[in-house]
Amino acid sequence: MEPNLWTFLIICTLTLGGFLYILITTVNKKQIRDLEFETKKLEKMDIKTEVDAAVDKKLKDVFARIEVLESIVTDKTVALDNEISKLK
């Protein structure tokens, strides 16, 4: 074989290798970006779930306190004590 043929084959091999490297790198970078996006999306969902749970717990506590206060206010002895206090 002639030296020009070997030179051509080497150049073709290097060019093909470079092209494959660029192709694989580009595809992997896209996949990594997609995975990072999904990770951030899941993290936001986790934070939202935690916030919702905390808000629900706080609301339950507040409603429980309101029920206690309503029972105190509507209790007949409290109403009677209030009437007696007004008379004094």
PDB file of N, CA and C in Angstrom:
ATOM      1  N   MET A   1       0.830  -1.182   0.000  1.00  0.00           N
ATOM      2  CA  MET A   1       0.000   0.000   0.000  1.00  0.00           C
ATOM      3  C   MET A   1       0.871   1.241   0.000  1.00  0.00           C
ATOM      4  N   GLU A   2       0.304   2.255  -0.516  1.00  0.00           N
ATOM      5  CA  GLU A   2       1.048   3.508  -0.629  1.00  0.00           C
ATOM      6  C   GLU A   2       0.949   4.316   0.669  1.00  0.00           C
ATOM      7  N   PRO A   3       1.915   5.169   0.914  1.00  0.00           N
ATOM      8  CA  PRO A   3       1.876   6.009   2.120  1.00  0.00           C
ATOM      9  C   PRO A   3       0.668   6.953   2.126  1.00  0.00           C
ATOM     10  N   ASN A   4       0.233   7.389   0.949  1.00  0.00           N
ATOM     11  CA  ASN A   4      -0.926   8.289   0.906  1.00  0.00           C
ATOM     12  C   ASN A   4      -2.192   7.584   1.407  1.00  0.00           C
ATOM     13  N   LEU A   5      -2.323   6.296   1.119  1.00  0.00           N
ATOM     14  CA  LEU A   5      -3.475   5.536   1.571  1.00  0.00           C
ATOM     15  C   LEU A   5      -3.460   5.407   3.093  1.00  0.00           C
ATOM     16  N   TRP A   6      -2.270   5.125   3.652  1.00  0.00           N
ATOM     17  CA  TRP A   6      -2.161   5.026   5.115  1.00  0.00           C
ATOM     18  C   TRP A   6      -2.462   6.380   5.767  1.00  0.00           C
ATOM     19  N   THR A   7      -1.994   7.413   5.207  1.00  0.00           N
ATOM     20  CA  THR A   7      -2.268   8.752   5.730  1.00  0.00           C
ATOM     21  C   THR A   7      -3.767   9.030   5.693  1.00  0.00           C
ATOM     22  N   PHE A   8      -4.400   8.694   4.584  1.00  0.00           N
ATOM     23  CA  PHE A   8      -5.847   8.884   4.441  1.00  0.00           C
ATOM     24  C   PHE A   8      -6.612   8.068   5.486  1.00  0.00           C
ATOM     25  N   LEU A   9      -6.228   6.808   5.670  1.00  0.00           N
ATOM     26  CA  LEU A   9      -6.910   5.955   6.648  1.00  0.00           C
ATOM     27  C   LEU A   9      -6.738   6.485   8.078  1.00  0.00           C
ATOM     28  N   ILE A  10      -5.556   6.960   8.403  1.00  0.00           N
ATOM     29  CA  ILE A  10      -5.295   7.518   9.736  1.00  0.00           C
ATOM     30  C   ILE A  10      -6.131   8.774   9.950  1.00  0.00           C
ATOM     31  N   ILE A  11      -6.171   9.636   8.948  1.00  0.00           N
ATOM     32  CA  ILE A  11      -6.952  10.876   9.058  1.00  0.00           C
ATOM     33  C   ILE A  11      -8.437  10.549   9.196  1.00  0.00           C
ATOM     34  N   CYS A  12      -8.927   9.587   8.423  1.00  0.00           N
ATOM     35  CA  CYS A  12     -10.336   9.181   8.517  1.00  0.00           C
ATOM     36  C   CYS A  12     -10.640   8.599   9.892  1.00  0.00           C
ATOM     37  N   THR A  13      -9.757   7.774  10.410  1.00  0.00           N
ATOM     38  CA  THR A  13      -9.962   7.167  11.721  1.00  0.00           C
ATOM     39  C   THR A  13      -9.989   8.235  12.812  1.00  0.00           C
ATOM     40  N   LEU A  14      -9.049   9.168  12.765  1.00  0.00           N
ATOM     41  CA  LEU A  14      -9.016  10.238  13.764  1.00  0.00           C
ATOM     42  C   LEU A  14     -10.243  11.132  13.653  1.00  0.00           C
ATOM     43  N   THR A  15     -10.660  11.427  12.454  1.00  0.00           N
ATOM     44  CA  THR A  15     -11.836  12.264  12.248  1.00  0.00           C
ATOM     45  C   THR A  15     -13.093  11.559  12.773  1.00  0.00           C
ATOM     46  N   LEU A  16     -13.228  10.274  12.444  1.00  0.00           N
ATOM     47  CA  LEU A  16     -14.365   9.508  12.925  1.00  0.00           C
ATOM     48  C   LEU A  16     -14.355   9.401  14.447  1.00  0.00           C
ATOM     49  N   GLY A  17     -13.194   9.177  15.033  1.00  0.00           N
ATOM     50  CA  GLY A  17     -13.072   9.116  16.487  1.00  0.00           C
ATOM     51  C   GLY A  17     -13.456  10.441  17.137  1.00  0.00           C
ATOM     52  N   GLY A  18     -12.991  11.540  16.572  1.00  0.00           N
ATOM     53  CA  GLY A  18     -13.346  12.865  17.096  1.00  0.00           C
ATOM     54  C   GLY A  18     -14.837  13.129  16.993  1.00  0.00           C
ATOM     55  N   PHE A  19     -15.425  12.756  15.841  1.00  0.00           N
ATOM     56  CA  PHE A  19     -16.855  12.932  15.652  1.00  0.00           C
ATOM     57  C   PHE A  19     -17.647  12.115  16.679  1.00  0.00           C
ATOM     58  N   LEU A  20     -17.245  10.867  16.884  1.00  0.00           N
ATOM     59  CA  LEU A  20     -17.928  10.022  17.863  1.00  0.00           C
ATOM     60  C   LEU A  20     -17.789  10.582  19.280  1.00  0.00           C
ATOM     61  N   TYR A  21     -16.604  11.081  19.592  1.00  0.00           N
ATOM     62  CA  TYR A  21     -16.381  11.682  20.908  1.00  0.00           C
ATOM     63  C   TYR A  21     -17.326  12.866  21.124  1.00  0.00           C
ATOM     64  N   ILE A  22     -17.404  13.743  20.127  1.00  0.00           N
ATOM     65  CA  ILE A  22     -18.280  14.915  20.226  1.00  0.00           C
ATOM     66  C   ILE A  22     -19.739  14.479  20.338  1.00  0.00           C
ATOM     67  N   LEU A  23     -20.136  13.498  19.550  1.00  0.00           N
ATOM     68  CA  LEU A  23     -21.513  13.015  19.583  1.00  0.00           C
ATOM     69  C   LEU A  23     -21.867  12.430  20.949  1.00  0.00           C
ATOM     70  N   ILE A  24     -21.010  11.571  21.461  1.00  0.00           N
ATOM     71  CA  ILE A  24     -21.272  10.935  22.759  1.00  0.00           C
ATOM     72  C   ILE A  24     -21.285  11.974  23.875  1.00  0.00           C
ATOM     73  N   THR A  25     -20.364  12.906  23.853  1.00  0.00           N
ATOM     74  CA  THR A  25     -20.297  13.949  24.872  1.00  0.00           C
ATOM     75  C   THR A  25     -21.554  14.806  24.851  1.00  0.00           C
ATOM     76  N   THR A  26     -22.013  15.174  23.665  1.00  0.00           N
ATOM     77  CA  THR A  26     -23.208  16.007  23.543  1.00  0.00           C
ATOM     78  C   THR A  26     -24.443  15.276  24.067  1.00  0.00           C
ATOM     79  N   VAL A  27     -24.589  14.023  23.699  1.00  0.00           N
ATOM     80  CA  VAL A  27     -25.740  13.239  24.166  1.00  0.00           C
ATOM     81  C   VAL A  27     -25.707  13.084  25.679  1.00  0.00           C
ATOM     82  N   ASN A  28     -24.537  12.807  26.236  1.00  0.00           N
ATOM     83  CA  ASN A  28     -24.423  12.640  27.683  1.00  0.00           C
ATOM     84  C   ASN A  28     -24.708  13.939  28.427  1.00  0.00           C
ATOM     85  N   LYS A  29     -24.251  15.067  27.883  1.00  0.00           N
ATOM     86  CA  LYS A  29     -24.522  16.351  28.528  1.00  0.00           C
ATOM     87  C   LYS A  29     -26.020  16.629  28.547  1.00  0.00           C
ATOM     88  N   LYS A  30     -26.701  16.304  27.466  1.00  0.00           N
ATOM     89  CA  LYS A  30     -28.151  16.510  27.415  1.00  0.00           C
ATOM     90  C   LYS A  30     -28.834  15.625  28.451  1.00  0.00           C
ATOM     91  N   GLN A  31     -28.410  14.379  28.553  1.00  0.00           N
ATOM     92  CA  GLN A  31     -29.009  13.477  29.535  1.00  0.00           C
ATOM     93  C   GLN A  31     -28.748  13.967  30.960  1.00  0.00           C
ATOM     94  N   ILE A  32     -27.569  14.481  31.212  1.00  0.00           N
ATOM     95  CA  ILE A  32     -27.235  15.004  32.538  1.00  0.00           C
ATOM     96  C   ILE A  32     -28.109  16.212  32.862  1.00  0.00           C
ATOM     97  N   ARG A  33     -28.305  17.114  31.896  1.00  0.00           N
ATOM     98  CA  ARG A  33     -29.171  18.276  32.112  1.00  0.00           C
ATOM     99  C   ARG A  33     -30.599  17.831  32.419  1.00  0.00           C
ATOM    100  N   ASP A  34     -31.087  16.841  31.673  1.00  0.00           N
ATOM    101  CA  ASP A  34     -32.439  16.339  31.914  1.00  0.00           C
ATOM    102  C   ASP A  34     -32.565  15.744  33.314  1.00  0.00           C
ATOM    103  N   LEU A  35     -31.557  14.982  33.737  1.00  0.00           N
ATOM    104  CA  LEU A  35     -31.585  14.394  35.071  1.00  0.00           C
ATOM    105  C   LEU A  35     -31.522  15.466  36.164  1.00  0.00           C
ATOM    106  N   GLU A  36     -30.694  16.497  35.949  1.00  0.00           N
ATOM    107  CA  GLU A  36     -30.616  17.584  36.921  1.00  0.00           C
ATOM    108  C   GLU A  36     -31.957  18.304  37.022  1.00  0.00           C
ATOM    109  N   PHE A  37     -32.615  18.508  35.886  1.00  0.00           N
ATOM    110  CA  PHE A  37     -33.921  19.165  35.882  1.00  0.00           C
ATOM    111  C   PHE A  37     -34.942  18.330  36.657  1.00  0.00           C
ATOM    112  N   GLU A  38     -34.943  17.039  36.422  1.00  0.00           N
ATOM    113  CA  GLU A  38     -35.864  16.150  37.136  1.00  0.00           C
ATOM    114  C   GLU A  38     -35.569  16.153  38.636  1.00  0.00           C
ATOM    115  N   THR A  39     -34.286  16.179  38.999  1.00  0.00           N
ATOM    116  CA  THR A  39     -33.902  16.211  40.408  1.00  0.00           C
ATOM    117  C   THR A  39     -34.416  17.479  41.080  1.00  0.00           C
ATOM    118  N   LYS A  40     -34.233  18.624  40.421  1.00  0.00           N
ATOM    119  CA  LYS A  40     -34.720  19.883  40.988  1.00  0.00           C
ATOM    120  C   LYS A  40     -36.234  19.882  41.093  1.00  0.00           C
ATOM    121  N   LYS A  41     -36.889  19.309  40.113  1.00  0.00           N
ATOM    122  CA  LYS A  41     -38.348  19.224  40.135  1.00  0.00           C
ATOM    123  C   LYS A  41     -38.821  18.382  41.316  1.00  0.00           C
ATOM    124  N   LEU A  42     -38.152  17.249  41.550  1.00  0.00           N
ATOM    125  CA  LEU A  42     -38.507  16.390  42.682  1.00  0.00           C
ATOM    126  C   LEU A  42     -38.223  17.073  44.017  1.00  0.00           C
ATOM    127  N   GLU A  43     -37.113  17.819  44.085  1.00  0.00           N
ATOM    128  CA  GLU A  43     -36.791  18.537  45.322  1.00  0.00           C
ATOM    129  C   GLU A  43     -37.870  19.572  45.624  1.00  0.00           C
ATOM    130  N   LYS A  44     -38.323  20.292  44.591  1.00  0.00           N
ATOM    131  CA  LYS A  44     -39.381  21.277  44.797  1.00  0.00           C
ATOM    132  C   LYS A  44     -40.665  20.602  45.253  1.00  0.00           C
ATOM    133  N   MET A  45     -40.957  19.438  44.694  1.00  0.00           N
ATOM    134  CA  MET A  45     -42.155  18.710  45.104  1.00  0.00           C
ATOM    135  C   MET A  45     -42.037  18.268  46.561  1.00  0.00           C
ATOM    136  N   ASP A  46     -40.840  17.833  46.964  1.00  0.00           N
ATOM    137  CA  ASP A  46     -40.626  17.419  48.352  1.00  0.00           C
ATOM    138  C   ASP A  46     -40.805  18.598  49.301  1.00  0.00           C
ATOM    139  N   ILE A  47     -40.273  19.756  48.913  1.00  0.00           N
ATOM    140  CA  ILE A  47     -40.402  20.951  49.747  1.00  0.00           C
ATOM    141  C   ILE A  47     -41.868  21.347  49.851  1.00  0.00           C
ATOM    142  N   LYS A  48     -42.582  21.291  48.733  1.00  0.00           N
ATOM    143  CA  LYS A  48     -43.997  21.638  48.742  1.00  0.00           C
ATOM    144  C   LYS A  48     -44.765  20.686  49.644  1.00  0.00           C
ATOM    145  N   THR A  49     -44.454  19.413  49.589  1.00  0.00           N
ATOM    146  CA  THR A  49     -45.126  18.427  50.434  1.00  0.00           C
ATOM    147  C   THR A  49     -44.858  18.711  51.909  1.00  0.00           C
ATOM    148  N   GLU A  50     -43.620  19.041  52.243  1.00  0.00           N
ATOM    149  CA  GLU A  50     -43.273  19.347  53.631  1.00  0.00           C
ATOM    150  C   GLU A  50     -44.002  20.598  54.111  1.00  0.00           C
ATOM    151  N   VAL A  51     -44.065  21.620  53.261  1.00  0.00           N
ATOM    152  CA  VAL A  51     -44.755  22.856  53.634  1.00  0.00           C
ATOM    153  C   VAL A  51     -46.243  22.581  53.831  1.00  0.00           C
ATOM    154  N   ASP A  52     -46.826  21.821  52.921  1.00  0.00           N
ATOM    155  CA  ASP A  52     -48.250  21.489  53.061  1.00  0.00           C
ATOM    156  C   ASP A  52     -48.521  20.726  54.355  1.00  0.00           C
ATOM    157  N   ALA A  53     -47.651  19.796  54.683  1.00  0.00           N
ATOM    158  CA  ALA A  53     -47.825  19.028  55.917  1.00  0.00           C
ATOM    159  C   ALA A  53     -47.717  19.942  57.144  1.00  0.00           C
ATOM    160  N   ALA A  54     -46.756  20.867  57.129  1.00  0.00           N
ATOM    161  CA  ALA A  54     -46.581  21.781  58.258  1.00  0.00           C
ATOM    162  C   ALA A  54     -47.796  22.704  58.393  1.00  0.00           C
ATOM    163  N   VAL A  55     -48.304  23.185  57.268  1.00  0.00           N
ATOM    164  CA  VAL A  55     -49.479  24.061  57.300  1.00  0.00           C
ATOM    165  C   VAL A  55     -50.694  23.294  57.819  1.00  0.00           C
ATOM    166  N   ASP A  56     -50.873  22.057  57.353  1.00  0.00           N
ATOM    167  CA  ASP A  56     -51.994  21.247  57.829  1.00  0.00           C
ATOM    168  C   ASP A  56     -51.911  21.016  59.338  1.00  0.00           C
ATOM    169  N   LYS A  57     -50.717  20.724  59.831  1.00  0.00           N
ATOM    170  CA  LYS A  57     -50.537  20.492  61.269  1.00  0.00           C
ATOM    171  C   LYS A  57     -50.869  21.757  62.058  1.00  0.00           C
ATOM    172  N   LYS A  58     -50.386  22.888  61.572  1.00  0.00           N
ATOM    173  CA  LYS A  58     -50.647  24.158  62.265  1.00  0.00           C
ATOM    174  C   LYS A  58     -52.142  24.474  62.261  1.00  0.00           C
ATOM    175  N   LEU A  59     -52.803  24.234  61.122  1.00  0.00           N
ATOM    176  CA  LEU A  59     -54.238  24.489  61.056  1.00  0.00           C
ATOM    177  C   LEU A  59     -55.012  23.594  62.017  1.00  0.00           C
ATOM    178  N   LYS A  60     -54.618  22.335  62.108  1.00  0.00           N
ATOM    179  CA  LYS A  60     -55.287  21.433  63.047  1.00  0.00           C
ATOM    180  C   LYS A  60     -55.120  21.928  64.483  1.00  0.00           C
ATOM    181  N   ASP A  61     -53.910  22.403  64.814  1.00  0.00           N
ATOM    182  CA  ASP A  61     -53.670  22.939  66.155  1.00  0.00           C
ATOM    183  C   ASP A  61     -54.547  24.164  66.416  1.00  0.00           C
ATOM    184  N   VAL A  62     -54.626  25.056  65.436  1.00  0.00           N
ATOM    185  CA  VAL A  62     -55.420  26.277  65.594  1.00  0.00           C
ATOM    186  C   VAL A  62     -56.899  25.929  65.734  1.00  0.00           C
ATOM    187  N   PHE A  63     -57.385  25.009  64.910  1.00  0.00           N
ATOM    188  CA  PHE A  63     -58.794  24.626  65.006  1.00  0.00           C
ATOM    189  C   PHE A  63     -59.102  23.968  66.356  1.00  0.00           C
ATOM    190  N   ALA A  64     -58.170  23.193  66.860  1.00  0.00           N
ATOM    191  CA  ALA A  64     -58.366  22.576  68.171  1.00  0.00           C
ATOM    192  C   ALA A  64     -58.475  23.656  69.255  1.00  0.00           C
ATOM    193  N   ARG A  65     -57.631  24.661  69.168  1.00  0.00           N
ATOM    194  CA  ARG A  65     -57.687  25.759  70.148  1.00  0.00           C
ATOM    195  C   ARG A  65     -58.989  26.540  70.024  1.00  0.00           C
ATOM    196  N   ILE A  66     -59.435  26.745  68.785  1.00  0.00           N
ATOM    197  CA  ILE A  66     -60.703  27.461  68.569  1.00  0.00           C
ATOM    198  C   ILE A  66     -61.867  26.678  69.176  1.00  0.00           C
ATOM    199  N   GLU A  67     -61.845  25.364  69.005  1.00  0.00           N
ATOM    200  CA  GLU A  67     -62.905  24.536  69.592  1.00  0.00           C
ATOM    201  C   GLU A  67     -62.925  24.657  71.116  1.00  0.00           C
ATOM    202  N   VAL A  68     -61.742  24.670  71.709  1.00  0.00           N
ATOM    203  CA  VAL A  68     -61.669  24.817  73.171  1.00  0.00           C
ATOM    204  C   VAL A  68     -62.208  26.182  73.583  1.00  0.00           C
ATOM    205  N   LEU A  69     -61.820  27.225  72.875  1.00  0.00           N
ATOM    206  CA  LEU A  69     -62.297  28.571  73.207  1.00  0.00           C
ATOM    207  C   LEU A  69     -63.812  28.677  73.010  1.00  0.00           C
ATOM    208  N   GLU A  70     -64.322  28.078  71.946  1.00  0.00           N
ATOM    209  CA  GLU A  70     -65.772  28.099  71.721  1.00  0.00           C
ATOM    210  C   GLU A  70     -66.511  27.376  72.843  1.00  0.00           C
ATOM    211  N   SER A  71     -65.946  26.262  73.270  1.00  0.00           N
ATOM    212  CA  SER A  71     -66.610  25.540  74.359  1.00  0.00           C
ATOM    213  C   SER A  71     -66.584  26.343  75.652  1.00  0.00           C
ATOM    214  N   ILE A  72     -65.517  27.089  75.860  1.00  0.00           N
ATOM    215  CA  ILE A  72     -65.434  27.922  77.066  1.00  0.00           C
ATOM    216  C   ILE A  72     -66.445  29.060  76.986  1.00  0.00           C
ATOM    217  N   VAL A  73     -66.507  29.694  75.826  1.00  0.00           N
ATOM    218  CA  VAL A  73     -67.396  30.850  75.663  1.00  0.00           C
ATOM    219  C   VAL A  73     -68.855  30.433  75.726  1.00  0.00           C
ATOM    220  N   THR A  74     -69.173  29.285  75.164  1.00  0.00           N
ATOM    221  CA  THR A  74     -70.569  28.850  75.146  1.00  0.00           C
ATOM    222  C   THR A  74     -70.985  28.094  76.398  1.00  0.00           C
ATOM    223  N   ASP A  75     -70.051  27.883  77.301  1.00  0.00           N
ATOM    224  CA  ASP A  75     -70.377  27.194  78.551  1.00  0.00           C
ATOM    225  C   ASP A  75     -71.298  28.084  79.382  1.00  0.00           C
ATOM    226  N   LYS A  76     -72.357  27.509  79.939  1.00  0.00           N
ATOM    227  CA  LYS A  76     -73.363  28.293  80.665  1.00  0.00           C
ATOM    228  C   LYS A  76     -72.809  28.910  81.941  1.00  0.00           C
ATOM    229  N   THR A  77     -71.874  28.253  82.588  1.00  0.00           N
ATOM    230  CA  THR A  77     -71.320  28.826  83.821  1.00  0.00           C
ATOM    231  C   THR A  77     -70.485  30.050  83.504  1.00  0.00           C
ATOM    232  N   VAL A  78     -69.805  30.022  82.353  1.00  0.00           N
ATOM    233  CA  VAL A  78     -69.019  31.195  81.956  1.00  0.00           C
ATOM    234  C   VAL A  78     -69.966  32.346  81.645  1.00  0.00           C
ATOM    235  N   ALA A  79     -71.067  32.059  80.955  1.00  0.00           N
ATOM    236  CA  ALA A  79     -72.044  33.103  80.637  1.00  0.00           C
ATOM    237  C   ALA A  79     -72.618  33.682  81.931  1.00  0.00           C
ATOM    238  N   LEU A  80     -72.891  32.813  82.881  1.00  0.00           N
ATOM    239  CA  LEU A  80     -73.428  33.278  84.159  1.00  0.00           C
ATOM    240  C   LEU A  80     -72.399  34.128  84.894  1.00  0.00           C
ATOM    241  N   ASP A  81     -71.152  33.712  84.896  1.00  0.00           N
ATOM    242  CA  ASP A  81     -70.088  34.505  85.535  1.00  0.00           C
ATOM    243  C   ASP A  81     -69.958  35.865  84.859  1.00  0.00           C
ATOM    244  N   ASN A  82     -70.086  35.884  83.551  1.00  0.00           N
ATOM    245  CA  ASN A  82     -69.998  37.164  82.829  1.00  0.00           C
ATOM    246  C   ASN A  82     -71.151  38.083  83.199  1.00  0.00           C
ATOM    247  N   GLU A  83     -72.339  37.552  83.310  1.00  0.00           N
ATOM    248  CA  GLU A  83     -73.492  38.345  83.697  1.00  0.00           C
ATOM    249  C   GLU A  83     -73.321  38.885  85.118  1.00  0.00           C
ATOM    250  N   ILE A  84     -72.800  38.055  85.999  1.00  0.00           N
ATOM    251  CA  ILE A  84     -72.566  38.496  87.373  1.00  0.00           C
ATOM    252  C   ILE A  84     -71.500  39.589  87.391  1.00  0.00           C
ATOM    253  N   SER A  85     -70.477  39.432  86.564  1.00  0.00           N
ATOM    254  CA  SER A  85     -69.425  40.453  86.504  1.00  0.00           C
ATOM    255  C   SER A  85     -69.970  41.764  85.986  1.00  0.00           C
ATOM    256  N   LYS A  86     -70.892  41.702  85.039  1.00  0.00           N
ATOM    257  CA  LYS A  86     -71.477  42.940  84.504  1.00  0.00           C
ATOM    258  C   LYS A  86     -72.317  43.654  85.579  1.00  0.00           C
ATOM    259  N   LEU A  87     -72.952  42.908  86.435  1.00  0.00           N
ATOM    260  CA  LEU A  87     -73.768  43.515  87.459  1.00  0.00           C
ATOM    261  C   LEU A  87     -72.959  44.211  88.534  1.00  0.00           C
ATOM    262  N   LYS A  88     -71.740  43.782  88.700  1.00  0.00           N
ATOM    263  CA  LYS A  88     -70.899  44.365  89.759  1.00  0.00           C
ATOM    264  C   LYS A  88     -70.427  45.697  89.367  1.00  0.00           C
TER     265      LYS A  88
END
